[in-house]
N, C-alpha and C. Protein backbone atom coordinates (compact mmCIF):
# COMPACT_ATOMS: atom_id res chain seq x y z
N MET A 1 102.99 109.22 101.39
CA MET A 1 103.38 110.39 102.73
C MET A 1 103.63 109.50 103.73
N VAL A 2 104.99 109.85 104.52
CA VAL A 2 105.14 109.08 106.19
C VAL A 2 105.81 110.47 106.85
N GLN A 3 105.14 110.36 107.87
CA GLN A 3 105.42 111.70 108.65
C GLN A 3 106.10 111.12 109.92
N LYS A 4 106.80 111.44 110.85
CA LYS A 4 107.48 111.06 112.29
C LYS A 4 106.96 112.22 113.03
N PHE A 5 106.67 112.10 114.00
CA PHE A 5 106.03 112.88 115.28
C PHE A 5 107.04 112.41 116.53
N GLN A 6 107.03 113.60 117.32
CA GLN A 6 108.01 113.29 118.96
C GLN A 6 107.34 111.82 119.40
N LYS A 7 108.12 111.11 120.47
CA LYS A 7 107.88 110.30 121.17
C LYS A 7 107.25 108.54 120.55
N GLY A 8 107.56 108.79 119.31
CA GLY A 8 107.59 107.43 118.57
C GLY A 8 106.38 107.52 117.79
N TRP A 9 105.51 108.43 117.76
CA TRP A 9 104.30 108.21 116.57
C TRP A 9 104.70 108.50 115.27
N SER A 10 103.86 107.82 114.23
CA SER A 10 104.19 108.19 112.92
C SER A 10 102.91 108.46 112.72
N ALA A 11 102.56 109.04 111.31
CA ALA A 11 101.51 108.82 110.22
C ALA A 11 102.04 108.17 109.03
N THR A 12 101.25 107.59 108.26
CA THR A 12 101.55 107.06 106.81
C THR A 12 100.22 107.18 106.28
N GLY A 13 100.48 107.59 104.87
CA GLY A 13 98.99 107.69 103.99
C GLY A 13 99.32 107.62 102.47
N GLU A 14 98.61 107.37 101.80
CA GLU A 14 98.61 107.28 100.33
C GLU A 14 97.42 107.46 100.13
N LEU A 15 97.14 108.43 98.90
CA LEU A 15 96.06 108.23 98.11
C LEU A 15 96.40 108.19 96.46
N ALA A 16 95.68 107.57 95.80
CA ALA A 16 95.74 107.56 94.59
C ALA A 16 94.35 107.71 93.50
N LEU A 17 94.25 108.92 92.58
CA LEU A 17 93.10 108.92 92.01
C LEU A 17 93.08 108.48 90.57
N GLN A 18 91.98 108.04 89.55
CA GLN A 18 92.26 107.33 88.67
C GLN A 18 90.95 108.06 87.74
N TRP A 19 91.38 108.52 86.42
CA TRP A 19 89.75 109.32 85.87
C TRP A 19 90.50 109.16 84.08
N GLY A 20 89.25 109.37 83.67
CA GLY A 20 89.82 108.68 82.16
C GLY A 20 88.60 108.47 81.43
N ALA A 21 88.43 107.61 80.30
CA ALA A 21 87.08 107.17 79.74
C ALA A 21 87.26 105.85 79.30
N GLN A 22 86.46 104.95 79.38
CA GLN A 22 86.59 103.72 78.43
C GLN A 22 85.18 103.71 77.79
N HIS A 23 85.38 103.05 76.51
CA HIS A 23 84.34 103.09 75.56
C HIS A 23 84.03 104.75 75.41
N PRO A 24 83.76 105.04 74.80
CA PRO A 24 83.46 106.32 74.20
C PRO A 24 82.63 106.73 75.04
N ASN A 25 81.27 106.22 75.78
CA ASN A 25 80.43 106.96 76.87
C ASN A 25 80.64 106.39 78.16
N THR A 26 81.66 106.02 78.57
CA THR A 26 81.84 105.93 80.22
C THR A 26 82.85 106.27 80.25
N SER A 27 82.55 107.18 81.61
CA SER A 27 83.76 108.05 82.30
C SER A 27 84.45 107.21 83.21
N ILE A 28 85.40 107.28 83.76
CA ILE A 28 86.07 106.44 84.62
C ILE A 28 86.45 107.10 85.90
N THR A 29 86.19 107.13 86.87
CA THR A 29 86.64 107.70 88.33
C THR A 29 87.10 106.96 89.14
N GLY A 30 87.81 106.38 90.10
CA GLY A 30 88.24 105.70 91.16
C GLY A 30 89.34 106.23 91.90
N ARG A 31 89.37 105.46 93.17
CA ARG A 31 90.37 106.30 94.23
C ARG A 31 90.55 104.88 95.07
N GLY A 32 91.99 105.14 95.71
CA GLY A 32 92.42 103.90 96.43
C GLY A 32 93.69 104.32 97.41
N GLY A 33 93.74 104.02 98.68
CA GLY A 33 94.58 104.62 99.47
C GLY A 33 94.57 103.99 100.60
N TYR A 34 95.34 104.78 101.70
CA TYR A 34 95.23 104.01 102.85
C TYR A 34 95.83 105.01 103.99
N ALA A 35 95.68 105.12 105.22
CA ALA A 35 96.10 105.67 106.30
C ALA A 35 96.38 104.91 107.50
N TYR A 36 97.87 105.10 108.14
CA TYR A 36 97.84 104.19 109.71
C TYR A 36 98.22 105.73 110.28
N LEU A 37 98.05 105.30 111.56
CA LEU A 37 98.35 106.00 112.70
C LEU A 37 99.58 104.70 113.71
N LYS A 38 100.59 105.24 114.06
CA LYS A 38 101.61 103.99 114.55
C LYS A 38 102.15 104.53 116.03
N LYS A 39 102.20 103.72 116.81
CA LYS A 39 103.22 104.01 118.10
C LYS A 39 104.03 103.17 118.16
N THR A 40 105.52 103.44 118.52
CA THR A 40 106.38 102.17 118.90
C THR A 40 106.82 102.59 120.01
N PHE A 41 107.48 101.81 120.65
CA PHE A 41 107.67 101.73 122.10
C PHE A 41 108.76 100.90 122.35
N GLY A 42 109.72 100.57 123.50
CA GLY A 42 110.61 99.49 124.28
C GLY A 42 111.65 99.81 123.42
N ALA A 43 112.40 99.30 123.90
CA ALA A 43 114.10 99.06 123.69
C ALA A 43 114.04 98.94 121.98
N GLY A 44 114.65 100.13 121.30
CA GLY A 44 115.20 99.67 119.97
C GLY A 44 113.61 100.18 118.92
N ALA A 45 112.86 100.35 120.01
CA ALA A 45 111.51 100.37 118.76
C ALA A 45 111.24 99.26 118.33
N ARG A 46 111.26 98.46 118.80
CA ARG A 46 110.90 96.84 118.21
C ARG A 46 109.40 96.75 118.36
N ASN A 47 108.43 97.34 119.21
CA ASN A 47 107.01 97.16 119.65
C ASN A 47 106.80 98.33 119.05
N TYR A 48 105.44 98.14 118.70
CA TYR A 48 104.28 99.02 118.26
C TYR A 48 102.54 98.55 118.33
N VAL A 49 102.35 99.39 118.23
CA VAL A 49 100.59 99.18 117.99
C VAL A 49 100.31 100.59 116.82
N LEU A 50 99.39 99.57 115.75
CA LEU A 50 98.99 100.84 114.62
C LEU A 50 97.37 100.58 114.40
N GLY A 51 96.70 101.15 113.89
CA GLY A 51 95.64 101.74 113.40
C GLY A 51 95.72 102.19 112.01
N GLY A 52 94.79 102.21 111.10
CA GLY A 52 94.41 102.22 109.85
C GLY A 52 93.39 101.84 109.01
N TYR A 53 93.37 102.32 107.90
CA TYR A 53 92.00 102.28 106.81
C TYR A 53 92.69 102.31 105.87
N ILE A 54 91.86 101.32 104.98
CA ILE A 54 92.53 100.94 103.82
C ILE A 54 90.99 100.85 102.75
N SER A 55 91.35 101.35 101.88
CA SER A 55 90.09 101.32 100.81
C SER A 55 90.33 101.98 99.05
N MET A 56 89.78 100.81 98.55
CA MET A 56 89.79 101.08 97.15
C MET A 56 88.18 101.20 96.69
N SER A 57 87.70 102.40 95.93
CA SER A 57 86.67 102.66 95.59
C SER A 57 85.80 101.68 94.78
N GLY A 58 84.38 101.29 94.93
CA GLY A 58 83.95 100.54 93.95
C GLY A 58 82.45 101.18 92.94
N ASP A 59 82.55 100.63 92.21
CA ASP A 59 81.56 101.16 91.08
C ASP A 59 80.16 100.93 91.60
N ASN A 60 79.44 102.09 91.24
CA ASN A 60 78.00 102.85 91.79
C ASN A 60 77.03 101.99 90.98
N PRO A 61 76.17 101.11 91.46
CA PRO A 61 75.62 100.20 90.36
C PRO A 61 74.18 101.28 89.88
N ALA A 62 73.88 102.50 90.63
CA ALA A 62 73.10 103.28 89.90
C ALA A 62 73.64 104.46 89.12
N THR A 63 74.68 104.29 88.65
CA THR A 63 75.17 105.09 87.56
C THR A 63 75.72 104.48 86.52
N ALA A 64 74.98 103.78 85.47
CA ALA A 64 75.39 103.04 84.46
C ALA A 64 76.09 103.80 83.58
N ASP A 65 76.43 105.30 83.45
CA ASP A 65 77.41 105.92 82.44
C ASP A 65 78.54 106.30 82.87
N LYS A 66 78.85 105.40 84.49
CA LYS A 66 80.28 106.29 84.88
C LYS A 66 80.62 104.77 85.62
N TYR A 67 82.12 104.27 85.80
CA TYR A 67 82.82 103.41 86.43
C TYR A 67 83.80 104.04 87.12
N GLU A 68 83.14 103.99 88.85
CA GLU A 68 83.59 104.32 89.88
C GLU A 68 84.72 103.53 90.41
N GLY A 69 84.75 102.44 89.97
CA GLY A 69 85.55 101.51 90.74
C GLY A 69 87.14 101.52 90.66
N TRP A 70 87.98 101.40 91.56
CA TRP A 70 89.20 101.32 91.87
C TRP A 70 89.91 100.09 90.50
N ASP A 71 90.79 100.56 89.67
CA ASP A 71 91.72 99.32 88.93
C ASP A 71 93.12 99.43 89.20
N PRO A 72 93.23 97.99 90.16
CA PRO A 72 94.34 98.00 90.37
C PRO A 72 95.41 97.43 89.35
N ILE A 73 95.53 98.79 88.59
CA ILE A 73 96.77 98.23 87.55
C ILE A 73 98.03 97.43 87.84
N PHE A 74 98.74 98.28 89.16
CA PHE A 74 99.88 97.78 89.47
C PHE A 74 100.24 97.01 90.90
N SER A 75 98.69 96.57 91.10
CA SER A 75 98.66 96.27 92.47
C SER A 75 97.85 94.89 92.87
N ARG A 76 98.19 93.98 91.84
CA ARG A 76 97.23 92.55 92.10
C ARG A 76 98.03 91.72 92.90
N TRP A 77 98.50 91.70 93.89
CA TRP A 77 99.54 91.22 94.70
C TRP A 77 98.76 90.32 95.63
N PRO A 78 99.12 89.21 95.93
CA PRO A 78 97.99 88.81 97.27
C PRO A 78 98.76 89.11 99.08
N LYS A 79 98.51 90.46 99.24
CA LYS A 79 98.99 90.76 100.14
C LYS A 79 98.37 90.06 101.57
N TYR A 80 97.02 89.92 101.40
CA TYR A 80 96.33 89.24 102.49
C TYR A 80 96.27 87.71 102.94
N SER A 81 96.66 87.08 101.44
CA SER A 81 96.36 85.50 101.44
C SER A 81 96.64 85.43 99.88
N GLU A 82 97.31 84.44 99.71
CA GLU A 82 97.68 83.75 98.64
C GLU A 82 96.00 83.19 98.07
N LEU A 83 94.91 82.49 98.77
CA LEU A 83 93.80 82.06 98.13
C LEU A 83 92.93 83.47 98.28
N TYR A 84 93.14 83.98 99.02
CA TYR A 84 91.50 85.32 99.12
C TYR A 84 91.45 85.68 97.63
N ILE A 85 92.68 86.14 97.08
CA ILE A 85 92.54 86.64 95.56
C ILE A 85 91.72 86.01 94.68
N TYR A 86 91.52 84.42 94.95
CA TYR A 86 90.54 84.13 93.96
C TYR A 86 88.99 83.94 94.26
N SER A 87 89.06 84.35 95.31
CA SER A 87 87.33 84.78 95.91
C SER A 87 86.77 85.94 94.89
N GLN A 88 87.99 86.78 94.73
CA GLN A 88 87.45 88.17 93.85
C GLN A 88 87.44 87.98 92.32
N VAL A 89 87.28 87.11 91.85
CA VAL A 89 87.18 86.58 90.53
C VAL A 89 85.75 86.74 90.06
N ASN A 90 84.63 86.58 90.72
CA ASN A 90 83.29 86.50 90.70
C ASN A 90 82.75 88.24 90.29
N GLU A 91 83.74 88.83 91.23
CA GLU A 91 83.43 90.59 91.26
C GLU A 91 83.89 91.13 90.15
N LYS A 92 85.40 90.68 89.81
CA LYS A 92 86.00 91.39 88.28
C LYS A 92 87.01 90.85 87.90
N ALA A 93 88.00 90.49 88.65
CA ALA A 93 88.84 89.27 87.91
C ALA A 93 90.00 88.65 89.12
N VAL A 94 90.78 87.73 89.18
CA VAL A 94 91.64 87.41 90.09
C VAL A 94 92.30 88.61 90.98
N ALA A 95 92.28 88.87 91.90
CA ALA A 95 93.20 89.65 92.59
C ALA A 95 92.91 91.00 92.50
N TYR A 96 91.60 91.41 91.77
CA TYR A 96 91.22 92.66 91.30
C TYR A 96 90.74 93.61 92.38
N TRP A 97 91.47 94.30 93.17
CA TRP A 97 91.02 94.78 94.62
C TRP A 97 90.03 95.95 94.19
N THR A 98 89.13 95.82 94.19
CA THR A 98 87.98 97.12 93.90
C THR A 98 86.97 97.08 95.15
N ASN A 99 85.99 98.03 95.38
CA ASN A 99 85.32 97.95 96.17
C ASN A 99 85.45 97.28 97.59
N THR A 100 86.41 97.74 98.42
CA THR A 100 87.15 97.26 99.38
C THR A 100 87.29 98.40 100.30
N ASN A 101 86.97 98.43 101.69
CA ASN A 101 87.17 99.17 102.72
C ASN A 101 87.63 98.11 104.07
N MET A 102 88.65 98.61 104.75
CA MET A 102 89.11 97.57 105.56
C MET A 102 89.77 98.60 106.60
N TRP A 103 89.06 98.30 107.89
CA TRP A 103 89.47 98.59 109.32
C TRP A 103 90.83 97.80 109.60
N GLN A 104 91.99 98.14 109.91
CA GLN A 104 93.09 97.55 110.53
C GLN A 104 93.53 97.89 111.66
N ALA A 105 93.78 96.92 113.02
CA ALA A 105 94.13 97.29 114.20
C ALA A 105 95.38 96.16 114.56
N GLU A 106 96.42 96.56 114.51
CA GLU A 106 97.87 95.55 114.94
C GLU A 106 98.70 95.80 116.30
N ALA A 107 99.12 94.74 116.29
CA ALA A 107 100.42 95.23 117.69
C ALA A 107 101.29 94.12 117.55
N VAL A 108 102.44 94.64 117.93
CA VAL A 108 103.85 93.99 117.20
C VAL A 108 104.61 93.68 118.68
N TYR A 109 104.63 92.58 119.53
CA TYR A 109 105.45 92.82 120.83
C TYR A 109 106.58 91.94 120.58
N SER A 110 107.63 92.40 120.82
CA SER A 110 109.32 91.62 120.37
C SER A 110 110.08 91.59 121.75
N PRO A 111 109.92 90.20 122.61
CA PRO A 111 110.70 90.63 123.83
C PRO A 111 112.37 90.28 123.46
N VAL A 112 112.90 89.71 122.53
CA VAL A 112 114.17 89.87 122.18
C VAL A 112 114.24 89.92 120.73
N LYS A 113 115.25 90.41 120.31
CA LYS A 113 115.69 90.87 118.96
C LYS A 113 115.07 89.93 117.80
N PRO A 114 115.22 88.54 117.96
CA PRO A 114 114.91 87.84 117.02
C PRO A 114 113.75 87.13 116.94
N VAL A 115 112.95 87.64 117.78
CA VAL A 115 111.58 87.10 118.06
C VAL A 115 110.50 88.33 118.16
N SER A 116 109.20 88.01 117.57
CA SER A 116 108.28 88.93 117.84
C SER A 116 106.98 88.24 117.30
N CYS A 117 105.80 88.88 118.14
CA CYS A 117 104.63 88.24 117.74
C CYS A 117 103.68 89.14 117.64
N ARG A 118 103.08 88.89 116.33
CA ARG A 118 102.28 89.89 115.70
C ARG A 118 100.65 89.82 115.83
N PHE A 119 99.85 90.74 116.17
CA PHE A 119 98.06 90.19 116.16
C PHE A 119 97.63 91.40 115.66
N THR A 120 96.96 90.82 114.52
CA THR A 120 96.06 92.13 113.67
C THR A 120 94.67 91.59 113.54
N PHE A 121 94.06 92.29 113.22
CA PHE A 121 92.62 92.15 113.23
C PHE A 121 92.05 93.37 111.91
N TYR A 122 91.76 92.58 111.01
CA TYR A 122 90.85 93.53 109.67
C TYR A 122 89.40 93.54 110.01
N ARG A 123 88.81 94.46 109.83
CA ARG A 123 86.96 94.67 109.46
C ARG A 123 86.99 94.97 108.24
N MET A 124 86.90 93.78 107.25
CA MET A 124 86.58 94.49 105.84
C MET A 124 84.94 94.44 105.51
N ASN A 125 84.57 95.50 104.57
CA ASN A 125 83.68 95.44 103.82
C ASN A 125 83.72 96.16 102.76
N SER A 126 82.51 96.20 102.14
CA SER A 126 82.16 96.78 100.68
C SER A 126 81.35 98.30 100.49
N SER A 127 82.23 99.24 99.28
CA SER A 127 80.92 100.31 99.32
C SER A 127 79.42 99.99 98.49
N TYR A 128 79.69 98.94 98.03
CA TYR A 128 77.96 98.58 97.22
C TYR A 128 78.04 97.05 97.43
N PRO A 129 76.87 96.85 96.97
CA PRO A 129 76.69 95.28 96.99
C PRO A 129 77.27 94.56 95.72
N PHE A 130 77.40 93.42 96.08
CA PHE A 130 78.29 92.73 94.46
C PHE A 130 76.93 92.30 93.62
N LYS A 131 77.03 92.61 92.67
CA LYS A 131 75.77 92.54 91.23
C LYS A 131 75.63 91.17 90.80
N GLY A 132 76.40 89.85 91.34
CA GLY A 132 75.92 88.73 91.03
C GLY A 132 75.08 87.65 91.70
N SER A 133 75.90 86.55 91.90
CA SER A 133 75.36 85.92 92.99
C SER A 133 75.55 86.01 94.36
N ALA A 134 74.33 86.16 95.12
CA ALA A 134 74.36 86.55 96.37
C ALA A 134 74.82 85.28 97.38
N SER A 135 74.92 84.20 96.63
CA SER A 135 75.45 82.74 97.50
C SER A 135 77.00 82.75 97.62
N THR A 136 77.44 83.90 96.68
CA THR A 136 78.89 84.17 97.18
C THR A 136 79.49 85.40 97.73
N PHE A 137 78.57 86.34 97.53
CA PHE A 137 79.10 87.53 98.40
C PHE A 137 78.00 88.20 99.05
N GLY A 138 76.71 87.34 99.08
CA GLY A 138 75.86 87.88 100.01
C GLY A 138 74.79 89.07 99.50
N THR A 139 74.38 89.81 100.24
CA THR A 139 73.44 90.90 99.69
C THR A 139 73.89 92.34 99.97
N GLY A 140 74.56 92.39 100.97
CA GLY A 140 74.82 93.54 101.57
C GLY A 140 76.07 94.22 101.37
N THR A 141 76.51 94.94 102.45
CA THR A 141 78.37 95.51 102.28
C THR A 141 78.95 94.61 103.45
N VAL A 142 78.49 94.63 104.38
CA VAL A 142 79.59 94.03 105.58
C VAL A 142 79.81 92.71 106.21
N ALA A 143 80.84 92.19 105.97
CA ALA A 143 81.31 90.95 106.00
C ALA A 143 81.02 90.40 107.68
N ARG A 144 80.27 89.45 107.47
CA ARG A 144 79.85 88.58 108.65
C ARG A 144 79.80 87.14 108.41
N GLN A 145 80.01 86.30 109.41
CA GLN A 145 80.21 84.72 109.53
C GLN A 145 78.81 84.22 109.21
N HIS A 146 78.73 83.45 108.19
CA HIS A 146 77.58 82.37 108.06
C HIS A 146 77.67 81.26 108.83
N ALA A 147 76.14 80.75 109.20
CA ALA A 147 76.17 79.82 110.03
C ALA A 147 77.24 78.27 109.77
N ALA A 148 77.21 78.34 108.48
CA ALA A 148 78.03 77.20 107.74
C ALA A 148 79.34 77.11 107.55
N GLY A 149 79.95 78.53 108.16
CA GLY A 149 81.04 79.17 108.02
C GLY A 149 81.97 79.76 106.99
N ALA A 150 81.29 79.99 106.22
CA ALA A 150 81.83 80.58 104.56
C ALA A 150 81.73 82.20 105.18
N ARG A 151 82.46 82.89 104.39
CA ARG A 151 82.47 84.67 104.87
C ARG A 151 81.65 84.96 103.49
N GLY A 152 80.87 86.35 103.72
CA GLY A 152 79.83 86.51 102.91
C GLY A 152 79.35 88.25 103.34
N LEU A 153 79.05 88.90 102.47
CA LEU A 153 78.64 90.18 102.60
C LEU A 153 77.13 90.31 102.85
N HIS A 154 76.76 90.95 103.93
CA HIS A 154 75.35 90.79 104.05
C HIS A 154 74.67 91.95 104.68
N PRO A 155 73.78 92.60 104.71
CA PRO A 155 72.84 94.00 105.54
C PRO A 155 73.14 93.92 106.83
């Protein structure tokens, strides 16, 4: 869905739901989506500010008879980084976008038509802690910087 409003405002959103069964006794439910609010301004509406949220559900470790994680069957491309997708291998598989929540703020300034400057901030976290090694993903759901410089999820 994209809805344009007056004075350069627009809203964009998409939501997908998954359900079914895998192996006779495991039900599957998942959700993935995003929502953005954008304001364009300036000559030709080349400048804008944007705020949004992206989410792919994660599997709740407390429900063994259900799988609630998002299955990115058609969306395994490296949107944010060609190398970041390999960090997801320990959670599920390469480029397996699941258990991810991310706030986004973005501003684009285009002083002249062929030139634009883009500033983007992402705040990433997860719905549930990673079940595997804490040395890779930490023990919590919020991304923080380690003293050694590696990224991880910590409470």
